[in-house]
């Protein structure tokens, strides 16, 4: 396969992953939401890869912390949300809903997903069936509603739920096990969820990553994608905040 997705486990309290999208033909790589520059540098050196682009989903420090050092060293384009330029001044290519750009032969589509932050965006690549969704959609969960409204987050999640079911979901945190425990309190009789929670527990017991998920899997097991109204979403999200 020409394009491969790798992960770097930041091993911080927030359980961040940095996703690295490699073009195996050119040995170029994209860093998505790079928390720390040294981890990206070391990964590139170890695998003899050339950092070609940086993609950012939103302004939170655990998503942009490594960018200034990486840019100083590599002089590469930084793609990120137009709405958050004031908070991420090192963006060189400001993006908004339905914008498109290229990484070599890949066409990347931007979907705006306000809610967690007001300018949050995600990166969808239909050719390789990948979604890099930052902190909007999590495996078995969704991001906290910090800056936006429950209504914005509900509509953002619905946008992602409408993507092709086979789309692989690459979110930025290893929250799946905690999310599974909460999801079971909302849908205790969901057999697919019960089964998945068991698998997730086994993966974590072995110290393994639980990602990527898929849109199909989330539609079957993620209570936040299974709500029918903003009110129902707000009720569940509020319960999760107190869980």
C-alpha atoms as a PDB file:
ATOM      1  CA  UNK A   1       0.000   0.000   0.000  1.00  0.00           C
ATOM      2  CA  UNK A   2       1.457   3.350  -1.013  1.00  0.00           C
ATOM      3  CA  UNK A   3       0.114   5.349   1.948  1.00  0.00           C
ATOM      4  CA  UNK A   4       0.520   4.134   5.503  1.00  0.00           C
ATOM      5  CA  UNK A   5      -0.588   5.623   8.819  1.00  0.00           C
ATOM      6  CA  UNK A   6       1.725   5.294  11.820  1.00  0.00           C
ATOM      7  CA  UNK A   7       1.218   6.468  15.372  1.00  0.00           C
ATOM      8  CA  UNK A   8       3.510   8.002  17.953  1.00  0.00           C
ATOM      9  CA  UNK A   9       2.382   7.460  21.539  1.00  0.00           C
ATOM     10  CA  UNK A  10       3.201  10.717  23.345  1.00  0.00           C
ATOM     11  CA  UNK A  11       2.832   8.914  26.704  1.00  0.00           C
ATOM     12  CA  UNK A  12       1.519  12.027  28.420  1.00  0.00           C
ATOM     13  CA  UNK A  13      -1.326  12.354  30.936  1.00  0.00           C
ATOM     14  CA  UNK A  14      -3.754  13.241  28.137  1.00  0.00           C
ATOM     15  CA  UNK A  15      -2.902  10.023  26.248  1.00  0.00           C
ATOM     16  CA  UNK A  16      -2.166  11.845  22.969  1.00  0.00           C
ATOM     17  CA  UNK A  17      -1.240  10.143  19.730  1.00  0.00           C
ATOM     18  CA  UNK A  18       0.564  11.936  16.910  1.00  0.00           C
ATOM     19  CA  UNK A  19      -0.519  10.428  13.580  1.00  0.00           C
ATOM     20  CA  UNK A  20       2.064  10.202  10.793  1.00  0.00           C
ATOM     21  CA  UNK A  21       0.800   9.706   7.234  1.00  0.00           C
ATOM     22  CA  UNK A  22       3.585   8.260   5.068  1.00  0.00           C
ATOM     23  CA  UNK A  23       3.900   8.160   1.294  1.00  0.00           C
ATOM     24  CA  UNK A  24       6.012   5.014   1.002  1.00  0.00           C
ATOM     25  CA  UNK A  25       7.066   5.847  -2.582  1.00  0.00           C
ATOM     26  CA  UNK A  26       8.590   9.240  -1.772  1.00  0.00           C
ATOM     27  CA  UNK A  27       9.332   8.578   1.934  1.00  0.00           C
ATOM     28  CA  UNK A  28       7.613  11.849   2.747  1.00  0.00           C
ATOM     29  CA  UNK A  29       5.406  12.091   5.792  1.00  0.00           C
ATOM     30  CA  UNK A  30       2.726  14.352   7.291  1.00  0.00           C
ATOM     31  CA  UNK A  31       2.575  14.975  11.047  1.00  0.00           C
ATOM     32  CA  UNK A  32      -0.962  15.477  12.345  1.00  0.00           C
ATOM     33  CA  UNK A  33      -1.411  17.415  15.609  1.00  0.00           C
ATOM     34  CA  UNK A  34       2.240  17.088  16.718  1.00  0.00           C
ATOM     35  CA  UNK A  35       2.294  17.441  20.508  1.00  0.00           C
ATOM     36  CA  UNK A  36       6.094  17.393  20.809  1.00  0.00           C
ATOM     37  CA  UNK A  37       8.695  18.123  18.146  1.00  0.00           C
ATOM     38  CA  UNK A  38      11.369  15.708  19.400  1.00  0.00           C
ATOM     39  CA  UNK A  39       9.066  12.709  19.044  1.00  0.00           C
ATOM     40  CA  UNK A  40       8.354  13.618  15.412  1.00  0.00           C
ATOM     41  CA  UNK A  41      12.040  14.288  14.695  1.00  0.00           C
ATOM     42  CA  UNK A  42      13.106  10.983  16.220  1.00  0.00           C
ATOM     43  CA  UNK A  43      10.422   9.083  14.292  1.00  0.00           C
ATOM     44  CA  UNK A  44      11.485  10.644  10.987  1.00  0.00           C
ATOM     45  CA  UNK A  45      15.185   9.921  11.609  1.00  0.00           C
ATOM     46  CA  UNK A  46      14.529   6.371  12.758  1.00  0.00           C
ATOM     47  CA  UNK A  47      12.447   5.542   9.668  1.00  0.00           C
ATOM     48  CA  UNK A  48      14.405   7.759   7.236  1.00  0.00           C
ATOM     49  CA  UNK A  49      11.372   9.886   6.405  1.00  0.00           C
ATOM     50  CA  UNK A  50      11.194  13.493   5.255  1.00  0.00           C
ATOM     51  CA  UNK A  51       8.654  15.679   7.032  1.00  0.00           C
ATOM     52  CA  UNK A  52       6.628  17.343   4.263  1.00  0.00           C
ATOM     53  CA  UNK A  53       3.520  18.861   5.880  1.00  0.00           C
ATOM     54  CA  UNK A  54       1.875  19.503   9.254  1.00  0.00           C
ATOM     55  CA  UNK A  55      -1.908  19.351   9.719  1.00  0.00           C
ATOM     56  CA  UNK A  56      -3.638  20.850  12.753  1.00  0.00           C
ATOM     57  CA  UNK A  57      -7.227  20.275  13.855  1.00  0.00           C
ATOM     58  CA  UNK A  58      -7.493  22.971  16.561  1.00  0.00           C
ATOM     59  CA  UNK A  59      -5.514  25.294  18.808  1.00  0.00           C
ATOM     60  CA  UNK A  60      -5.185  23.316  22.059  1.00  0.00           C
ATOM     61  CA  UNK A  61      -1.586  23.079  23.218  1.00  0.00           C
ATOM     62  CA  UNK A  62      -1.430  19.270  23.207  1.00  0.00           C
ATOM     63  CA  UNK A  63      -2.153  19.447  19.449  1.00  0.00           C
ATOM     64  CA  UNK A  64       0.200  22.232  18.379  1.00  0.00           C
ATOM     65  CA  UNK A  65       3.029  22.147  20.952  1.00  0.00           C
ATOM     66  CA  UNK A  66       5.669  20.736  18.626  1.00  0.00           C
ATOM     67  CA  UNK A  67       4.962  22.950  15.617  1.00  0.00           C
ATOM     68  CA  UNK A  68       7.263  25.966  16.204  1.00  0.00           C
ATOM     69  CA  UNK A  69      10.398  23.796  16.554  1.00  0.00           C
ATOM     70  CA  UNK A  70       9.467  21.600  13.587  1.00  0.00           C
ATOM     71  CA  UNK A  71       8.823  24.608  11.344  1.00  0.00           C
ATOM     72  CA  UNK A  72      12.088  26.258  12.385  1.00  0.00           C
ATOM     73  CA  UNK A  73      13.935  23.122  11.313  1.00  0.00           C
ATOM     74  CA  UNK A  74      12.010  22.120   8.190  1.00  0.00           C
ATOM     75  CA  UNK A  75      10.402  25.193   6.550  1.00  0.00           C
ATOM     76  CA  UNK A  76       7.278  23.249   5.605  1.00  0.00           C
ATOM     77  CA  UNK A  77       3.610  24.192   5.128  1.00  0.00           C
ATOM     78  CA  UNK A  78       1.352  24.124   8.170  1.00  0.00           C
ATOM     79  CA  UNK A  79      -2.347  23.522   7.449  1.00  0.00           C
ATOM     80  CA  UNK A  80      -4.906  24.496  10.065  1.00  0.00           C
ATOM     81  CA  UNK A  81      -8.244  26.125  10.843  1.00  0.00           C
ATOM     82  CA  UNK A  82      -8.815  29.624   9.435  1.00  0.00           C
ATOM     83  CA  UNK A  83     -11.097  30.398  12.390  1.00  0.00           C
ATOM     84  CA  UNK A  84      -8.216  29.888  14.827  1.00  0.00           C
ATOM     85  CA  UNK A  85      -5.447  31.845  13.101  1.00  0.00           C
ATOM     86  CA  UNK A  86      -5.260  34.267  16.024  1.00  0.00           C
ATOM     87  CA  UNK A  87      -4.429  31.340  18.319  1.00  0.00           C
ATOM     88  CA  UNK A  88      -2.198  29.444  15.854  1.00  0.00           C
ATOM     89  CA  UNK A  89      -0.154  32.192  14.137  1.00  0.00           C
ATOM     90  CA  UNK A  90       2.241  29.731  12.467  1.00  0.00           C
ATOM     91  CA  UNK A  91      -0.456  28.325  10.122  1.00  0.00           C
ATOM     92  CA  UNK A  92       0.658  28.961   6.518  1.00  0.00           C
ATOM     93  CA  UNK A  93      -2.432  27.490   4.820  1.00  0.00           C
ATOM     94  CA  UNK A  94      -5.663  28.502   6.578  1.00  0.00           C
ATOM     95  CA  UNK A  95      -8.558  26.140   5.870  1.00  0.00           C
ATOM     96  CA  UNK A  96     -12.320  26.234   6.203  1.00  0.00           C
ATOM     97  CA  UNK A  97     -15.265  23.932   5.507  1.00  0.00           C
ATOM     98  CA  UNK A  98     -15.122  22.154   2.128  1.00  0.00           C
ATOM     99  CA  UNK A  99     -11.607  23.408   1.287  1.00  0.00           C
ATOM    100  CA  UNK A 100      -9.334  20.896  -0.428  1.00  0.00           C
ATOM    101  CA  UNK A 101      -5.571  20.501  -0.832  1.00  0.00           C
ATOM    102  CA  UNK A 102      -3.088  17.807  -1.864  1.00  0.00           C
ATOM    103  CA  UNK A 103      -0.465  15.663  -0.221  1.00  0.00           C
ATOM    104  CA  UNK A 104       1.288  14.161  -3.259  1.00  0.00           C
ATOM    105  CA  UNK A 105      -1.422  12.076  -5.001  1.00  0.00           C
ATOM    106  CA  UNK A 106      -3.939  12.369  -2.171  1.00  0.00           C
ATOM    107  CA  UNK A 107      -6.800  14.844  -2.135  1.00  0.00           C
ATOM    108  CA  UNK A 108      -7.618  16.011   1.388  1.00  0.00           C
ATOM    109  CA  UNK A 109     -11.055  17.410   2.154  1.00  0.00           C
ATOM    110  CA  UNK A 110     -11.800  19.694   5.094  1.00  0.00           C
ATOM    111  CA  UNK A 111     -14.917  19.344   7.225  1.00  0.00           C
ATOM    112  CA  UNK A 112     -15.665  22.020   9.831  1.00  0.00           C
ATOM    113  CA  UNK A 113     -16.626  20.510  13.188  1.00  0.00           C
ATOM    114  CA  UNK A 114     -17.234  23.332  15.674  1.00  0.00           C
ATOM    115  CA  UNK A 115     -18.053  22.353  19.240  1.00  0.00           C
ATOM    116  CA  UNK A 116     -14.910  21.281  21.081  1.00  0.00           C
ATOM    117  CA  UNK A 117     -13.414  24.564  19.854  1.00  0.00           C
ATOM    118  CA  UNK A 118     -15.131  27.092  17.597  1.00  0.00           C
ATOM    119  CA  UNK A 119     -12.794  26.575  14.650  1.00  0.00           C
ATOM    120  CA  UNK A 120     -12.111  22.824  14.890  1.00  0.00           C
ATOM    121  CA  UNK A 121     -11.623  21.120  11.505  1.00  0.00           C
ATOM    122  CA  UNK A 122     -11.042  17.513  10.461  1.00  0.00           C
ATOM    123  CA  UNK A 123      -9.207  15.976   7.490  1.00  0.00           C
ATOM    124  CA  UNK A 124     -11.005  13.400   5.319  1.00  0.00           C
ATOM    125  CA  UNK A 125      -9.215  11.398   2.591  1.00  0.00           C
ATOM    126  CA  UNK A 126     -11.667   9.311   0.595  1.00  0.00           C
ATOM    127  CA  UNK A 127      -8.952   7.584  -1.519  1.00  0.00           C
ATOM    128  CA  UNK A 128      -7.498   5.828   1.509  1.00  0.00           C
ATOM    129  CA  UNK A 129     -10.697   5.861   3.596  1.00  0.00           C
ATOM    130  CA  UNK A 130      -9.181   7.876   6.448  1.00  0.00           C
ATOM    131  CA  UNK A 131     -10.513  10.543   8.803  1.00  0.00           C
ATOM    132  CA  UNK A 132      -8.168  12.481  11.103  1.00  0.00           C
ATOM    133  CA  UNK A 133     -10.676  13.956  13.500  1.00  0.00           C
ATOM    134  CA  UNK A 134      -8.705  15.515  16.359  1.00  0.00           C
ATOM    135  CA  UNK A 135     -10.966  15.892  19.393  1.00  0.00           C
ATOM    136  CA  UNK A 136     -14.397  15.961  17.716  1.00  0.00           C
ATOM    137  CA  UNK A 137     -15.148  12.241  17.425  1.00  0.00           C
ATOM    138  CA  UNK A 138     -13.487   9.749  19.747  1.00  0.00           C
ATOM    139  CA  UNK A 139     -13.636   5.990  19.674  1.00  0.00           C
ATOM    140  CA  UNK A 140     -16.854   5.338  21.654  1.00  0.00           C
ATOM    141  CA  UNK A 141     -17.098   9.019  22.598  1.00  0.00           C
ATOM    142  CA  UNK A 142     -16.740  12.627  21.542  1.00  0.00           C
ATOM    143  CA  UNK A 143     -14.827  15.698  22.671  1.00  0.00           C
ATOM    144  CA  UNK A 144     -15.947  17.963  25.479  1.00  0.00           C
ATOM    145  CA  UNK A 145     -17.918  21.001  24.397  1.00  0.00           C
ATOM    146  CA  UNK A 146     -15.509  23.738  25.500  1.00  0.00           C
ATOM    147  CA  UNK A 147     -16.042  26.745  23.234  1.00  0.00           C
ATOM    148  CA  UNK A 148     -19.018  25.808  21.114  1.00  0.00           C
ATOM    149  CA  UNK A 149     -22.568  24.725  21.887  1.00  0.00           C
ATOM    150  CA  UNK A 150     -24.161  21.309  22.223  1.00  0.00           C
ATOM    151  CA  UNK A 151     -26.050  22.094  19.026  1.00  0.00           C
ATOM    152  CA  UNK A 152     -22.812  22.775  17.109  1.00  0.00           C
ATOM    153  CA  UNK A 153     -21.212  19.566  18.377  1.00  0.00           C
ATOM    154  CA  UNK A 154     -24.322  17.522  17.566  1.00  0.00           C
ATOM    155  CA  UNK A 155     -24.320  18.799  13.976  1.00  0.00           C
ATOM    156  CA  UNK A 156     -20.551  18.292  13.664  1.00  0.00           C
ATOM    157  CA  UNK A 157     -20.871  14.662  14.741  1.00  0.00           C
ATOM    158  CA  UNK A 158     -23.738  14.164  12.293  1.00  0.00           C
ATOM    159  CA  UNK A 159     -21.466  15.395   9.484  1.00  0.00           C
ATOM    160  CA  UNK A 160     -18.921  12.738  10.394  1.00  0.00           C
ATOM    161  CA  UNK A 161     -21.587  10.050  10.852  1.00  0.00           C
ATOM    162  CA  UNK A 162     -22.594  10.626   7.216  1.00  0.00           C
ATOM    163  CA  UNK A 163     -19.137   9.682   5.875  1.00  0.00           C
ATOM    164  CA  UNK A 164     -18.706   6.272   4.186  1.00  0.00           C
ATOM    165  CA  UNK A 165     -19.112   3.537   6.852  1.00  0.00           C
ATOM    166  CA  UNK A 166     -15.730   1.945   6.009  1.00  0.00           C
ATOM    167  CA  UNK A 167     -13.880   5.213   6.821  1.00  0.00           C
ATOM    168  CA  UNK A 168     -11.171   4.612   9.417  1.00  0.00           C
ATOM    169  CA  UNK A 169     -11.354   6.992  12.378  1.00  0.00           C
ATOM    170  CA  UNK A 170      -8.049   8.347  13.688  1.00  0.00           C
ATOM    171  CA  UNK A 171      -8.722  10.470  16.762  1.00  0.00           C
ATOM    172  CA  UNK A 172      -5.993  12.027  18.889  1.00  0.00           C
ATOM    173  CA  UNK A 173      -6.411  10.383  22.302  1.00  0.00           C
ATOM    174  CA  UNK A 174      -6.462   6.875  23.754  1.00  0.00           C
ATOM    175  CA  UNK A 175      -9.731   7.367  25.620  1.00  0.00           C
ATOM    176  CA  UNK A 176     -11.517   4.271  24.297  1.00  0.00           C
ATOM    177  CA  UNK A 177     -11.569   2.230  27.511  1.00  0.00           C
ATOM    178  CA  UNK A 178     -12.922   5.071  29.664  1.00  0.00           C
ATOM    179  CA  UNK A 179     -15.433   5.891  26.922  1.00  0.00           C
ATOM    180  CA  UNK A 180     -16.547   2.246  26.794  1.00  0.00           C
ATOM    181  CA  UNK A 181     -17.280   2.217  30.512  1.00  0.00           C
ATOM    182  CA  UNK A 182     -19.473   5.293  30.151  1.00  0.00           C
ATOM    183  CA  UNK A 183     -21.153   4.077  26.954  1.00  0.00           C
ATOM    184  CA  UNK A 184     -22.277   0.909  28.756  1.00  0.00           C
ATOM    185  CA  UNK A 185     -24.143   3.035  31.317  1.00  0.00           C
ATOM    186  CA  UNK A 186     -26.120   4.621  28.460  1.00  0.00           C
ATOM    187  CA  UNK A 187     -26.714   1.471  26.375  1.00  0.00           C
ATOM    188  CA  UNK A 188     -26.241  -1.504  28.738  1.00  0.00           C
ATOM    189  CA  UNK A 189     -28.173  -3.859  26.406  1.00  0.00           C
ATOM    190  CA  UNK A 190     -26.253  -2.998  23.211  1.00  0.00           C
ATOM    191  CA  UNK A 191     -24.608  -6.345  22.339  1.00  0.00           C
ATOM    192  CA  UNK A 192     -22.200  -4.824  19.807  1.00  0.00           C
ATOM    193  CA  UNK A 193     -21.073  -2.372  22.487  1.00  0.00           C
ATOM    194  CA  UNK A 194     -20.643  -5.120  25.088  1.00  0.00           C
ATOM    195  CA  UNK A 195     -18.488  -7.087  22.673  1.00  0.00           C
ATOM    196  CA  UNK A 196     -16.439  -4.070  21.739  1.00  0.00           C
ATOM    197  CA  UNK A 197     -15.877  -3.038  25.359  1.00  0.00           C
ATOM    198  CA  UNK A 198     -14.469  -6.516  25.988  1.00  0.00           C
ATOM    199  CA  UNK A 199     -12.105  -6.265  23.006  1.00  0.00           C
ATOM    200  CA  UNK A 200     -10.945  -2.809  24.108  1.00  0.00           C
ATOM    201  CA  UNK A 201     -10.227  -4.083  27.630  1.00  0.00           C
ATOM    202  CA  UNK A 202      -8.141  -6.931  26.194  1.00  0.00           C
ATOM    203  CA  UNK A 203      -6.183  -4.576  23.926  1.00  0.00           C
ATOM    204  CA  UNK A 204      -5.397  -2.220  26.798  1.00  0.00           C
ATOM    205  CA  UNK A 205      -4.462  -5.112  29.097  1.00  0.00           C
ATOM    206  CA  UNK A 206      -1.834  -6.001  26.487  1.00  0.00           C
ATOM    207  CA  UNK A 207      -0.734  -2.359  26.221  1.00  0.00           C
ATOM    208  CA  UNK A 208      -1.996  -2.112  22.646  1.00  0.00           C
ATOM    209  CA  UNK A 209      -3.615   0.793  20.811  1.00  0.00           C
ATOM    210  CA  UNK A 210      -7.415   0.684  20.281  1.00  0.00           C
ATOM    211  CA  UNK A 211      -7.366   2.813  17.109  1.00  0.00           C
ATOM    212  CA  UNK A 212      -8.301   3.323  14.375  1.00  0.00           C
ATOM    213  CA  UNK A 213     -12.013   2.768  14.759  1.00  0.00           C
ATOM    214  CA  UNK A 214     -14.426   3.109  11.829  1.00  0.00           C
ATOM    215  CA  UNK A 215     -17.552   5.119  11.136  1.00  0.00           C
ATOM    216  CA  UNK A 216     -19.507   1.850  10.904  1.00  0.00           C
ATOM    217  CA  UNK A 217     -18.270   0.718  14.322  1.00  0.00           C
ATOM    218  CA  UNK A 218     -19.043   4.095  15.880  1.00  0.00           C
ATOM    219  CA  UNK A 219     -22.567   4.106  14.445  1.00  0.00           C
ATOM    220  CA  UNK A 220     -23.151   0.722  16.089  1.00  0.00           C
ATOM    221  CA  UNK A 221     -21.563   1.396  19.477  1.00  0.00           C
ATOM    222  CA  UNK A 222     -20.972   5.112  20.161  1.00  0.00           C
ATOM    223  CA  UNK A 223     -23.911   6.595  22.119  1.00  0.00           C
ATOM    224  CA  UNK A 224     -23.050  10.121  20.932  1.00  0.00           C
ATOM    225  CA  UNK A 225     -23.635   9.107  17.297  1.00  0.00           C
ATOM    226  CA  UNK A 226     -26.844   7.313  18.224  1.00  0.00           C
ATOM    227  CA  UNK A 227     -28.817  10.255  19.637  1.00  0.00           C
ATOM    228  CA  UNK A 228     -31.855  11.595  17.778  1.00  0.00           C
ATOM    229  CA  UNK A 229     -31.859  15.186  18.994  1.00  0.00           C
ATOM    230  CA  UNK A 230     -29.695  17.992  20.318  1.00  0.00           C
ATOM    231  CA  UNK A 231     -31.470  17.647  23.678  1.00  0.00           C
ATOM    232  CA  UNK A 232     -30.638  13.967  23.947  1.00  0.00           C
ATOM    233  CA  UNK A 233     -27.026  14.635  22.926  1.00  0.00           C
ATOM    234  CA  UNK A 234     -26.722  17.454  25.508  1.00  0.00           C
ATOM    235  CA  UNK A 235     -28.111  15.180  28.231  1.00  0.00           C
ATOM    236  CA  UNK A 236     -25.586  12.420  27.514  1.00  0.00           C
ATOM    237  CA  UNK A 237     -22.660  14.806  27.083  1.00  0.00           C
ATOM    238  CA  UNK A 238     -23.463  16.423  30.441  1.00  0.00           C
ATOM    239  CA  UNK A 239     -23.614  12.997  32.104  1.00  0.00           C
ATOM    240  CA  UNK A 240     -20.211  12.146  30.573  1.00  0.00           C
ATOM    241  CA  UNK A 241     -18.706  15.378  31.938  1.00  0.00           C
ATOM    242  CA  UNK A 242     -19.694  14.239  35.440  1.00  0.00           C
ATOM    243  CA  UNK A 243     -18.778  10.560  34.976  1.00  0.00           C
END
